[in-house]
Amino acid sequence: MSAAVGRAYGRLAYNADYENIGLVSYLREVINDLETSVAPCTVQLEAPEEIQFAADRAILVALVVNELVLNAGKYAYPASNEEMI
Protein backbone atom coordinates (compact mmCIF):
# COMPACT_ATOMS: atom_id res chain seq x y z
CA MET A 1 0.00 0.00 0.00
CA SER A 2 2.81 2.42 0.71
CA ALA A 3 3.89 2.21 -2.94
CA ALA A 4 0.49 3.59 -3.98
CA VAL A 5 0.80 6.52 -1.58
CA GLY A 6 4.44 7.09 -2.47
CA ARG A 7 3.60 7.13 -6.17
CA ALA A 8 0.92 9.78 -5.57
CA TYR A 9 3.34 12.02 -3.71
CA GLY A 10 5.91 11.51 -6.46
CA ARG A 11 3.41 12.52 -9.13
CA LEU A 12 2.38 15.56 -7.11
CA ALA A 13 5.99 16.67 -6.75
CA TYR A 14 6.34 16.90 -10.55
CA ASN A 15 2.86 18.30 -11.20
CA ALA A 16 2.19 22.02 -11.53
CA ASP A 17 -1.29 21.55 -10.04
CA TYR A 18 -0.59 20.26 -6.53
CA GLU A 19 -4.24 19.82 -5.64
CA ASN A 20 -5.30 17.56 -8.53
CA ILE A 21 -3.96 14.39 -10.07
CA GLY A 22 -4.82 12.46 -13.22
CA LEU A 23 -6.64 9.53 -11.62
CA VAL A 24 -6.62 7.12 -14.56
CA SER A 25 -2.90 7.41 -15.31
CA TYR A 26 -2.14 7.21 -11.57
CA LEU A 27 -4.25 4.04 -11.21
CA ARG A 28 -2.54 2.51 -14.26
CA GLU A 29 0.82 3.02 -12.54
CA VAL A 30 -0.46 1.53 -9.29
CA ILE A 31 -1.86 -1.47 -11.17
CA ASN A 32 1.41 -1.94 -13.05
CA ASP A 33 3.17 -2.08 -9.68
CA LEU A 34 0.76 -4.85 -8.61
CA GLU A 35 1.28 -7.08 -11.67
CA THR A 36 4.07 -9.10 -10.05
CA SER A 37 2.06 -9.55 -6.84
CA VAL A 38 -0.89 -11.19 -8.61
CA ALA A 39 1.05 -13.13 -11.27
CA PRO A 40 0.21 -15.22 -13.26
CA CYS A 41 -3.01 -13.18 -13.38
CA THR A 42 -3.05 -10.01 -15.43
CA VAL A 43 -4.78 -6.80 -14.43
CA GLN A 44 -6.74 -4.66 -16.85
CA LEU A 45 -8.14 -1.20 -16.14
CA GLU A 46 -10.97 0.02 -18.35
CA ALA A 47 -11.54 3.74 -17.82
CA PRO A 48 -12.02 6.98 -19.72
CA GLU A 49 -8.94 8.75 -21.03
CA GLU A 50 -8.48 10.90 -17.96
CA ILE A 51 -10.26 12.08 -14.85
CA GLN A 52 -8.88 14.89 -12.71
CA PHE A 53 -9.29 14.11 -9.04
CA ALA A 54 -8.33 15.78 -5.80
CA ALA A 55 -4.99 14.31 -4.76
CA ASP A 56 -6.12 13.27 -1.28
CA ARG A 57 -9.11 11.42 -2.74
CA ALA A 58 -7.03 9.84 -5.50
CA ILE A 59 -4.80 8.32 -2.83
CA LEU A 60 -7.86 6.82 -1.10
CA VAL A 61 -9.17 5.43 -4.40
CA ALA A 62 -5.75 3.93 -5.15
CA LEU A 63 -5.61 2.25 -1.74
CA VAL A 64 -9.02 0.67 -2.33
CA VAL A 65 -8.05 -0.48 -5.84
CA ASN A 66 -4.78 -1.83 -4.44
CA GLU A 67 -6.63 -3.97 -1.88
CA LEU A 68 -9.27 -5.15 -4.38
CA VAL A 69 -6.68 -6.25 -6.92
CA LEU A 70 -4.50 -7.99 -4.34
CA ASN A 71 -7.48 -9.78 -2.80
CA ALA A 72 -8.78 -10.85 -6.22
CA GLY A 73 -5.39 -12.29 -7.11
CA LYS A 74 -5.03 -14.02 -3.77
CA TYR A 75 -8.55 -15.33 -3.12
CA ALA A 76 -10.58 -15.27 -6.34
CA TYR A 77 -7.89 -17.00 -8.42
CA PRO A 78 -5.63 -18.76 -5.91
CA ALA A 79 -4.59 -21.63 -8.19
CA SER A 80 -5.44 -20.18 -11.58
CA ASN A 81 -3.47 -19.91 -14.72
CA GLU A 82 -3.37 -16.47 -16.25
CA GLU A 83 -6.82 -15.14 -15.26
CA MET A 84 -7.80 -11.52 -15.94
CA ILE A 85 -8.56 -9.28 -12.97
PDB file of N, CA and C in Angstrom:
ATOM      1  N   MET A   1       0.814  -1.196   0.000  1.00  0.00           N
ATOM      2  CA  MET A   1       0.000   0.000   0.000  1.00  0.00           C
ATOM      3  C   MET A   1       0.855   1.255   0.000  1.00  0.00           C
ATOM      4  N   SER A   2       1.991   1.220   0.643  1.00  0.00           N
ATOM      5  CA  SER A   2       2.805   2.421   0.711  1.00  0.00           C
ATOM      6  C   SER A   2       3.317   2.829  -0.664  1.00  0.00           C
ATOM      7  N   ALA A   3       3.458   1.873  -1.586  1.00  0.00           N
ATOM      8  CA  ALA A   3       3.886   2.213  -2.943  1.00  0.00           C
ATOM      9  C   ALA A   3       2.837   3.079  -3.628  1.00  0.00           C
ATOM     10  N   ALA A   4       1.568   2.798  -3.384  1.00  0.00           N
ATOM     11  CA  ALA A   4       0.495   3.591  -3.983  1.00  0.00           C
ATOM     12  C   ALA A   4       0.527   5.016  -3.459  1.00  0.00           C
ATOM     13  N   VAL A   5       0.733   5.188  -2.178  1.00  0.00           N
ATOM     14  CA  VAL A   5       0.796   6.516  -1.584  1.00  0.00           C
ATOM     15  C   VAL A   5       2.073   7.223  -2.036  1.00  0.00           C
ATOM     16  N   GLY A   6       3.180   6.515  -2.037  1.00  0.00           N
ATOM     17  CA  GLY A   6       4.443   7.093  -2.475  1.00  0.00           C
ATOM     18  C   GLY A   6       4.391   7.546  -3.917  1.00  0.00           C
ATOM     19  N   ARG A   7       3.742   6.764  -4.763  1.00  0.00           N
ATOM     20  CA  ARG A   7       3.603   7.126  -6.168  1.00  0.00           C
ATOM     21  C   ARG A   7       2.784   8.404  -6.303  1.00  0.00           C
ATOM     22  N   ALA A   8       1.744   8.562  -5.516  1.00  0.00           N
ATOM     23  CA  ALA A   8       0.922   9.778  -5.571  1.00  0.00           C
ATOM     24  C   ALA A   8       1.746  10.989  -5.189  1.00  0.00           C
ATOM     25  N   TYR A   9       2.511  10.889  -4.125  1.00  0.00           N
ATOM     26  CA  TYR A   9       3.335  12.019  -3.709  1.00  0.00           C
ATOM     27  C   TYR A   9       4.400  12.330  -4.760  1.00  0.00           C
ATOM     28  N   GLY A  10       4.944  11.299  -5.385  1.00  0.00           N
ATOM     29  CA  GLY A  10       5.910  11.508  -6.458  1.00  0.00           C
ATOM     30  C   GLY A  10       5.300  12.233  -7.639  1.00  0.00           C
ATOM     31  N   ARG A  11       4.091  11.854  -8.018  1.00  0.00           N
ATOM     32  CA  ARG A  11       3.409  12.521  -9.127  1.00  0.00           C
ATOM     33  C   ARG A  11       3.092  13.964  -8.764  1.00  0.00           C
ATOM     34  N   LEU A  12       2.707  14.201  -7.537  1.00  0.00           N
ATOM     35  CA  LEU A  12       2.382  15.564  -7.115  1.00  0.00           C
ATOM     36  C   LEU A  12       3.624  16.452  -7.105  1.00  0.00           C
ATOM     37  N   ALA A  13       4.763  15.889  -6.794  1.00  0.00           N
ATOM     38  CA  ALA A  13       5.990  16.672  -6.749  1.00  0.00           C
ATOM     39  C   ALA A  13       6.363  17.214  -8.123  1.00  0.00           C
ATOM     40  N   TYR A  14       5.993  16.489  -9.188  1.00  0.00           N
ATOM     41  CA  TYR A  14       6.335  16.904 -10.546  1.00  0.00           C
ATOM     42  C   TYR A  14       5.161  17.526 -11.281  1.00  0.00           C
ATOM     43  N   ASN A  15       4.072  17.777 -10.589  1.00  0.00           N
ATOM     44  CA  ASN A  15       2.864  18.305 -11.198  1.00  0.00           C
ATOM     45  C   ASN A  15       2.710  19.776 -10.821  1.00  0.00           C
ATOM     46  N   ALA A  16       2.375  20.591 -11.804  1.00  0.00           N
ATOM     47  CA  ALA A  16       2.188  22.019 -11.534  1.00  0.00           C
ATOM     48  C   ALA A  16       0.947  22.268 -10.680  1.00  0.00           C
ATOM     49  N   ASP A  17      -0.044  21.412 -10.799  1.00  0.00           N
ATOM     50  CA  ASP A  17      -1.290  21.552 -10.040  1.00  0.00           C
ATOM     51  C   ASP A  17      -1.212  20.596  -8.847  1.00  0.00           C
ATOM     52  N   TYR A  18      -0.825  21.112  -7.698  1.00  0.00           N
ATOM     53  CA  TYR A  18      -0.591  20.263  -6.529  1.00  0.00           C
ATOM     54  C   TYR A  18      -1.862  19.699  -5.919  1.00  0.00           C
ATOM     55  N   GLU A  19      -3.000  20.265  -6.262  1.00  0.00           N
ATOM     56  CA  GLU A  19      -4.240  19.817  -5.643  1.00  0.00           C
ATOM     57  C   GLU A  19      -4.918  18.690  -6.410  1.00  0.00           C
ATOM     58  N   ASN A  20      -4.636  18.566  -7.708  1.00  0.00           N
ATOM     59  CA  ASN A  20      -5.302  17.563  -8.532  1.00  0.00           C
ATOM     60  C   ASN A  20      -4.296  16.597  -9.127  1.00  0.00           C
ATOM     61  N   ILE A  21      -4.797  15.433  -9.478  1.00  0.00           N
ATOM     62  CA  ILE A  21      -3.962  14.394 -10.068  1.00  0.00           C
ATOM     63  C   ILE A  21      -4.790  13.687 -11.134  1.00  0.00           C
ATOM     64  N   GLY A  22      -4.141  13.241 -12.193  1.00  0.00           N
ATOM     65  CA  GLY A  22      -4.821  12.461 -13.223  1.00  0.00           C
ATOM     66  C   GLY A  22      -5.077  11.062 -12.688  1.00  0.00           C
ATOM     67  N   LEU A  23      -6.308  10.782 -12.311  1.00  0.00           N
ATOM     68  CA  LEU A  23      -6.639   9.535 -11.617  1.00  0.00           C
ATOM     69  C   LEU A  23      -6.360   8.303 -12.466  1.00  0.00           C
ATOM     70  N   VAL A  24      -6.750   8.317 -13.722  1.00  0.00           N
ATOM     71  CA  VAL A  24      -6.620   7.119 -14.556  1.00  0.00           C
ATOM     72  C   VAL A  24      -5.151   6.754 -14.765  1.00  0.00           C
ATOM     73  N   SER A  25      -4.316   7.718 -15.107  1.00  0.00           N
ATOM     74  CA  SER A  25      -2.897   7.406 -15.308  1.00  0.00           C
ATOM     75  C   SER A  25      -2.242   6.983 -13.992  1.00  0.00           C
ATOM     76  N   TYR A  26      -2.652   7.598 -12.893  1.00  0.00           N
ATOM     77  CA  TYR A  26      -2.141   7.206 -11.574  1.00  0.00           C
ATOM     78  C   TYR A  26      -2.533   5.770 -11.247  1.00  0.00           C
ATOM     79  N   LEU A  27      -3.808   5.412 -11.483  1.00  0.00           N
ATOM     80  CA  LEU A  27      -4.250   4.042 -11.208  1.00  0.00           C
ATOM     81  C   LEU A  27      -3.548   3.040 -12.115  1.00  0.00           C
ATOM     82  N   ARG A  28      -3.284   3.404 -13.367  1.00  0.00           N
ATOM     83  CA  ARG A  28      -2.540   2.507 -14.260  1.00  0.00           C
ATOM     84  C   ARG A  28      -1.150   2.218 -13.698  1.00  0.00           C
ATOM     85  N   GLU A  29      -0.501   3.222 -13.147  1.00  0.00           N
ATOM     86  CA  GLU A  29       0.819   3.016 -12.540  1.00  0.00           C
ATOM     87  C   GLU A  29       0.731   2.123 -11.305  1.00  0.00           C
ATOM     88  N   VAL A  30      -0.278   2.359 -10.483  1.00  0.00           N
ATOM     89  CA  VAL A  30      -0.463   1.533  -9.288  1.00  0.00           C
ATOM     90  C   VAL A  30      -0.712   0.081  -9.701  1.00  0.00           C
ATOM     91  N   ILE A  31      -1.558  -0.119 -10.705  1.00  0.00           N
ATOM     92  CA  ILE A  31      -1.864  -1.469 -11.170  1.00  0.00           C
ATOM     93  C   ILE A  31      -0.623  -2.135 -11.767  1.00  0.00           C
ATOM     94  N   ASN A  32       0.172  -1.375 -12.512  1.00  0.00           N
ATOM     95  CA  ASN A  32       1.408  -1.944 -13.051  1.00  0.00           C
ATOM     96  C   ASN A  32       2.323  -2.409 -11.933  1.00  0.00           C
ATOM     97  N   ASP A  33       2.360  -1.675 -10.832  1.00  0.00           N
ATOM     98  CA  ASP A  33       3.166  -2.084  -9.678  1.00  0.00           C
ATOM     99  C   ASP A  33       2.659  -3.389  -9.068  1.00  0.00           C
ATOM    100  N   LEU A  34       1.361  -3.662  -9.218  1.00  0.00           N
ATOM    101  CA  LEU A  34       0.759  -4.853  -8.607  1.00  0.00           C
ATOM    102  C   LEU A  34       0.883  -6.100  -9.477  1.00  0.00           C
ATOM    103  N   GLU A  35       1.241  -5.946 -10.741  1.00  0.00           N
ATOM    104  CA  GLU A  35       1.279  -7.083 -11.669  1.00  0.00           C
ATOM    105  C   GLU A  35       2.087  -8.259 -11.119  1.00  0.00           C
ATOM    106  N   THR A  36       3.239  -8.002 -10.547  1.00  0.00           N
ATOM    107  CA  THR A  36       4.067  -9.099 -10.050  1.00  0.00           C
ATOM    108  C   THR A  36       3.450  -9.757  -8.819  1.00  0.00           C
ATOM    109  N   SER A  37       2.664  -9.002  -8.055  1.00  0.00           N
ATOM    110  CA  SER A  37       2.055  -9.546  -6.839  1.00  0.00           C
ATOM    111  C   SER A  37       0.911 -10.504  -7.138  1.00  0.00           C
ATOM    112  N   VAL A  38       0.263 -10.353  -8.285  1.00  0.00           N
ATOM    113  CA  VAL A  38      -0.888 -11.194  -8.614  1.00  0.00           C
ATOM    114  C   VAL A  38      -0.584 -12.146  -9.769  1.00  0.00           C
ATOM    115  N   ALA A  39       0.675 -12.226 -10.176  1.00  0.00           N
ATOM    116  CA  ALA A  39       1.053 -13.127 -11.272  1.00  0.00           C
ATOM    117  C   ALA A  39       0.692 -14.559 -10.891  1.00  0.00           C
ATOM    118  N   PRO A  40       0.226 -15.376 -11.804  1.00  0.00           N
ATOM    119  CA  PRO A  40       0.210 -15.218 -13.255  1.00  0.00           C
ATOM    120  C   PRO A  40      -1.023 -14.472 -13.790  1.00  0.00           C
ATOM    121  N   CYS A  41      -1.861 -13.960 -12.917  1.00  0.00           N
ATOM    122  CA  CYS A  41      -3.011 -13.179 -13.379  1.00  0.00           C
ATOM    123  C   CYS A  41      -2.526 -11.870 -14.000  1.00  0.00           C
ATOM    124  N   THR A  42      -3.337 -11.327 -14.873  1.00  0.00           N
ATOM    125  CA  THR A  42      -3.052 -10.012 -15.429  1.00  0.00           C
ATOM    126  C   THR A  42      -4.161  -9.071 -14.998  1.00  0.00           C
ATOM    127  N   VAL A  43      -3.835  -7.805 -14.893  1.00  0.00           N
ATOM    128  CA  VAL A  43      -4.784  -6.802 -14.430  1.00  0.00           C
ATOM    129  C   VAL A  43      -5.065  -5.839 -15.582  1.00  0.00           C
ATOM    130  N   GLN A  44      -6.337  -5.582 -15.794  1.00  0.00           N
ATOM    131  CA  GLN A  44      -6.737  -4.659 -16.852  1.00  0.00           C
ATOM    132  C   GLN A  44      -7.625  -3.575 -16.262  1.00  0.00           C
ATOM    133  N   LEU A  45      -7.334  -2.331 -16.595  1.00  0.00           N
ATOM    134  CA  LEU A  45      -8.140  -1.202 -16.143  1.00  0.00           C
ATOM    135  C   LEU A  45      -8.853  -0.608 -17.347  1.00  0.00           C
ATOM    136  N   GLU A  46     -10.172  -0.614 -17.296  1.00  0.00           N
ATOM    137  CA  GLU A  46     -10.966   0.022 -18.346  1.00  0.00           C
ATOM    138  C   GLU A  46     -11.536   1.305 -17.768  1.00  0.00           C
ATOM    139  N   ALA A  47     -11.125   2.432 -18.341  1.00  0.00           N
ATOM    140  CA  ALA A  47     -11.538   3.735 -17.822  1.00  0.00           C
ATOM    141  C   ALA A  47     -11.478   4.756 -18.945  1.00  0.00           C
ATOM    142  N   PRO A  48     -12.127   5.902 -18.740  1.00  0.00           N
ATOM    143  CA  PRO A  48     -12.018   6.985 -19.725  1.00  0.00           C
ATOM    144  C   PRO A  48     -10.566   7.438 -19.849  1.00  0.00           C
ATOM    145  N   GLU A  49     -10.302   8.261 -20.811  1.00  0.00           N
ATOM    146  CA  GLU A  49      -8.943   8.750 -21.025  1.00  0.00           C
ATOM    147  C   GLU A  49      -8.334   9.349 -19.763  1.00  0.00           C
ATOM    148  N   GLU A  50      -9.028  10.277 -19.161  1.00  0.00           N
ATOM    149  CA  GLU A  50      -8.476  10.896 -17.960  1.00  0.00           C
ATOM    150  C   GLU A  50      -9.571  11.515 -17.117  1.00  0.00           C
ATOM    151  N   ILE A  51      -9.368  11.461 -15.831  1.00  0.00           N
ATOM    152  CA  ILE A  51     -10.258  12.078 -14.853  1.00  0.00           C
ATOM    153  C   ILE A  51      -9.370  12.837 -13.885  1.00  0.00           C
ATOM    154  N   GLN A  52      -9.621  14.114 -13.705  1.00  0.00           N
ATOM    155  CA  GLN A  52      -8.878  14.895 -12.713  1.00  0.00           C
ATOM    156  C   GLN A  52      -9.560  14.707 -11.358  1.00  0.00           C
ATOM    157  N   PHE A  53      -8.765  14.429 -10.363  1.00  0.00           N
ATOM    158  CA  PHE A  53      -9.286  14.107  -9.045  1.00  0.00           C
ATOM    159  C   PHE A  53      -8.471  14.848  -8.008  1.00  0.00           C
ATOM    160  N   ALA A  54      -9.076  15.199  -6.906  1.00  0.00           N
ATOM    161  CA  ALA A  54      -8.331  15.783  -5.796  1.00  0.00           C
ATOM    162  C   ALA A  54      -7.300  14.769  -5.320  1.00  0.00           C
ATOM    163  N   ALA A  55      -6.087  15.214  -5.089  1.00  0.00           N
ATOM    164  CA  ALA A  55      -4.994  14.314  -4.761  1.00  0.00           C
ATOM    165  C   ALA A  55      -5.288  13.460  -3.531  1.00  0.00           C
ATOM    166  N   ASP A  56      -5.858  14.048  -2.490  1.00  0.00           N
ATOM    167  CA  ASP A  56      -6.125  13.274  -1.281  1.00  0.00           C
ATOM    168  C   ASP A  56      -7.150  12.171  -1.549  1.00  0.00           C
ATOM    169  N   ARG A  57      -8.112  12.441  -2.404  1.00  0.00           N
ATOM    170  CA  ARG A  57      -9.109  11.416  -2.740  1.00  0.00           C
ATOM    171  C   ARG A  57      -8.538  10.376  -3.693  1.00  0.00           C
ATOM    172  N   ALA A  58      -7.662  10.792  -4.581  1.00  0.00           N
ATOM    173  CA  ALA A  58      -7.027   9.845  -5.497  1.00  0.00           C
ATOM    174  C   ALA A  58      -6.216   8.814  -4.724  1.00  0.00           C
ATOM    175  N   ILE A  59      -5.563   9.250  -3.666  1.00  0.00           N
ATOM    176  CA  ILE A  59      -4.797   8.318  -2.831  1.00  0.00           C
ATOM    177  C   ILE A  59      -5.741   7.297  -2.197  1.00  0.00           C
ATOM    178  N   LEU A  60      -6.887   7.745  -1.708  1.00  0.00           N
ATOM    179  CA  LEU A  60      -7.857   6.822  -1.103  1.00  0.00           C
ATOM    180  C   LEU A  60      -8.385   5.832  -2.138  1.00  0.00           C
ATOM    181  N   VAL A  61      -8.692   6.316  -3.332  1.00  0.00           N
ATOM    182  CA  VAL A  61      -9.168   5.425  -4.401  1.00  0.00           C
ATOM    183  C   VAL A  61      -8.090   4.401  -4.737  1.00  0.00           C
ATOM    184  N   ALA A  62      -6.843   4.838  -4.831  1.00  0.00           N
ATOM    185  CA  ALA A  62      -5.749   3.926  -5.152  1.00  0.00           C
ATOM    186  C   ALA A  62      -5.563   2.866  -4.076  1.00  0.00           C
ATOM    187  N   LEU A  63      -5.732   3.238  -2.824  1.00  0.00           N
ATOM    188  CA  LEU A  63      -5.609   2.252  -1.744  1.00  0.00           C
ATOM    189  C   LEU A  63      -6.709   1.193  -1.834  1.00  0.00           C
ATOM    190  N   VAL A  64      -7.921   1.618  -2.169  1.00  0.00           N
ATOM    191  CA  VAL A  64      -9.023   0.671  -2.333  1.00  0.00           C
ATOM    192  C   VAL A  64      -8.757  -0.239  -3.527  1.00  0.00           C
ATOM    193  N   VAL A  65      -8.348   0.330  -4.649  1.00  0.00           N
ATOM    194  CA  VAL A  65      -8.046  -0.476  -5.839  1.00  0.00           C
ATOM    195  C   VAL A  65      -6.915  -1.443  -5.537  1.00  0.00           C
ATOM    196  N   ASN A  66      -5.904  -0.980  -4.835  1.00  0.00           N
ATOM    197  CA  ASN A  66      -4.781  -1.829  -4.439  1.00  0.00           C
ATOM    198  C   ASN A  66      -5.276  -3.060  -3.677  1.00  0.00           C
ATOM    199  N   GLU A  67      -6.114  -2.854  -2.687  1.00  0.00           N
ATOM    200  CA  GLU A  67      -6.631  -3.965  -1.884  1.00  0.00           C
ATOM    201  C   GLU A  67      -7.519  -4.895  -2.716  1.00  0.00           C
ATOM    202  N   LEU A  68      -8.379  -4.326  -3.555  1.00  0.00           N
ATOM    203  CA  LEU A  68      -9.267  -5.146  -4.384  1.00  0.00           C
ATOM    204  C   LEU A  68      -8.479  -6.027  -5.338  1.00  0.00           C
ATOM    205  N   VAL A  69      -7.478  -5.476  -5.973  1.00  0.00           N
ATOM    206  CA  VAL A  69      -6.677  -6.250  -6.922  1.00  0.00           C
ATOM    207  C   VAL A  69      -5.893  -7.337  -6.198  1.00  0.00           C
ATOM    208  N   LEU A  70      -5.258  -6.980  -5.091  1.00  0.00           N
ATOM    209  CA  LEU A  70      -4.498  -7.990  -4.343  1.00  0.00           C
ATOM    210  C   LEU A  70      -5.392  -9.117  -3.828  1.00  0.00           C
ATOM    211  N   ASN A  71      -6.564  -8.756  -3.304  1.00  0.00           N
ATOM    212  CA  ASN A  71      -7.483  -9.780  -2.801  1.00  0.00           C
ATOM    213  C   ASN A  71      -8.031 -10.650  -3.927  1.00  0.00           C
ATOM    214  N   ALA A  72      -8.305 -10.065  -5.077  1.00  0.00           N
ATOM    215  CA  ALA A  72      -8.780 -10.851  -6.223  1.00  0.00           C
ATOM    216  C   ALA A  72      -7.707 -11.838  -6.654  1.00  0.00           C
ATOM    217  N   GLY A  73      -6.472 -11.398  -6.727  1.00  0.00           N
ATOM    218  CA  GLY A  73      -5.388 -12.291  -7.110  1.00  0.00           C
ATOM    219  C   GLY A  73      -5.142 -13.387  -6.100  1.00  0.00           C
ATOM    220  N   LYS A  74      -5.319 -13.066  -4.837  1.00  0.00           N
ATOM    221  CA  LYS A  74      -5.027 -14.024  -3.770  1.00  0.00           C
ATOM    222  C   LYS A  74      -6.176 -14.998  -3.521  1.00  0.00           C
ATOM    223  N   TYR A  75      -7.423 -14.499  -3.519  1.00  0.00           N
ATOM    224  CA  TYR A  75      -8.552 -15.331  -3.119  1.00  0.00           C
ATOM    225  C   TYR A  75      -9.468 -15.753  -4.262  1.00  0.00           C
ATOM    226  N   ALA A  76      -9.669 -14.910  -5.253  1.00  0.00           N
ATOM    227  CA  ALA A  76     -10.577 -15.270  -6.343  1.00  0.00           C
ATOM    228  C   ALA A  76      -9.921 -16.271  -7.290  1.00  0.00           C
ATOM    229  N   TYR A  77      -8.615 -16.119  -7.490  1.00  0.00           N
ATOM    230  CA  TYR A  77      -7.890 -17.002  -8.415  1.00  0.00           C
ATOM    231  C   TYR A  77      -6.660 -17.571  -7.748  1.00  0.00           C
ATOM    232  N   PRO A  78      -6.809 -18.309  -6.646  1.00  0.00           N
ATOM    233  CA  PRO A  78      -5.635 -18.757  -5.906  1.00  0.00           C
ATOM    234  C   PRO A  78      -4.763 -19.775  -6.663  1.00  0.00           C
ATOM    235  N   ALA A  79      -5.362 -20.598  -7.481  1.00  0.00           N
ATOM    236  CA  ALA A  79      -4.591 -21.625  -8.191  1.00  0.00           C
ATOM    237  C   ALA A  79      -4.822 -21.535  -9.691  1.00  0.00           C
ATOM    238  N   SER A  80      -5.068 -20.344 -10.165  1.00  0.00           N
ATOM    239  CA  SER A  80      -5.435 -20.181 -11.576  1.00  0.00           C
ATOM    240  C   SER A  80      -4.220 -20.010 -12.461  1.00  0.00           C
ATOM    241  N   ASN A  81      -4.493 -20.144 -13.718  1.00  0.00           N
ATOM    242  CA  ASN A  81      -3.469 -19.909 -14.724  1.00  0.00           C
ATOM    243  C   ASN A  81      -3.878 -18.744 -15.592  1.00  0.00           C
ATOM    244  N   GLU A  82      -3.224 -17.633 -15.384  1.00  0.00           N
ATOM    245  CA  GLU A  82      -3.371 -16.470 -16.248  1.00  0.00           C
ATOM    246  C   GLU A  82      -4.798 -15.938 -16.367  1.00  0.00           C
ATOM    247  N   GLU A  83      -5.478 -15.753 -15.256  1.00  0.00           N
ATOM    248  CA  GLU A  83      -6.817 -15.141 -15.264  1.00  0.00           C
ATOM    249  C   GLU A  83      -6.679 -13.626 -15.374  1.00  0.00           C
ATOM    250  N   MET A  84      -7.763 -12.986 -15.801  1.00  0.00           N
ATOM    251  CA  MET A  84      -7.799 -11.524 -15.937  1.00  0.00           C
ATOM    252  C   MET A  84      -8.541 -10.939 -14.738  1.00  0.00           C
ATOM    253  N   ILE A  85      -7.920  -9.983 -14.090  1.00  0.00           N
ATOM    254  CA  ILE A  85      -8.555  -9.275 -12.971  1.00  0.00           C
ATOM    255  C   ILE A  85      -9.001  -7.938 -13.489  1.00  0.00           C
TER     256      ILE A  85
END
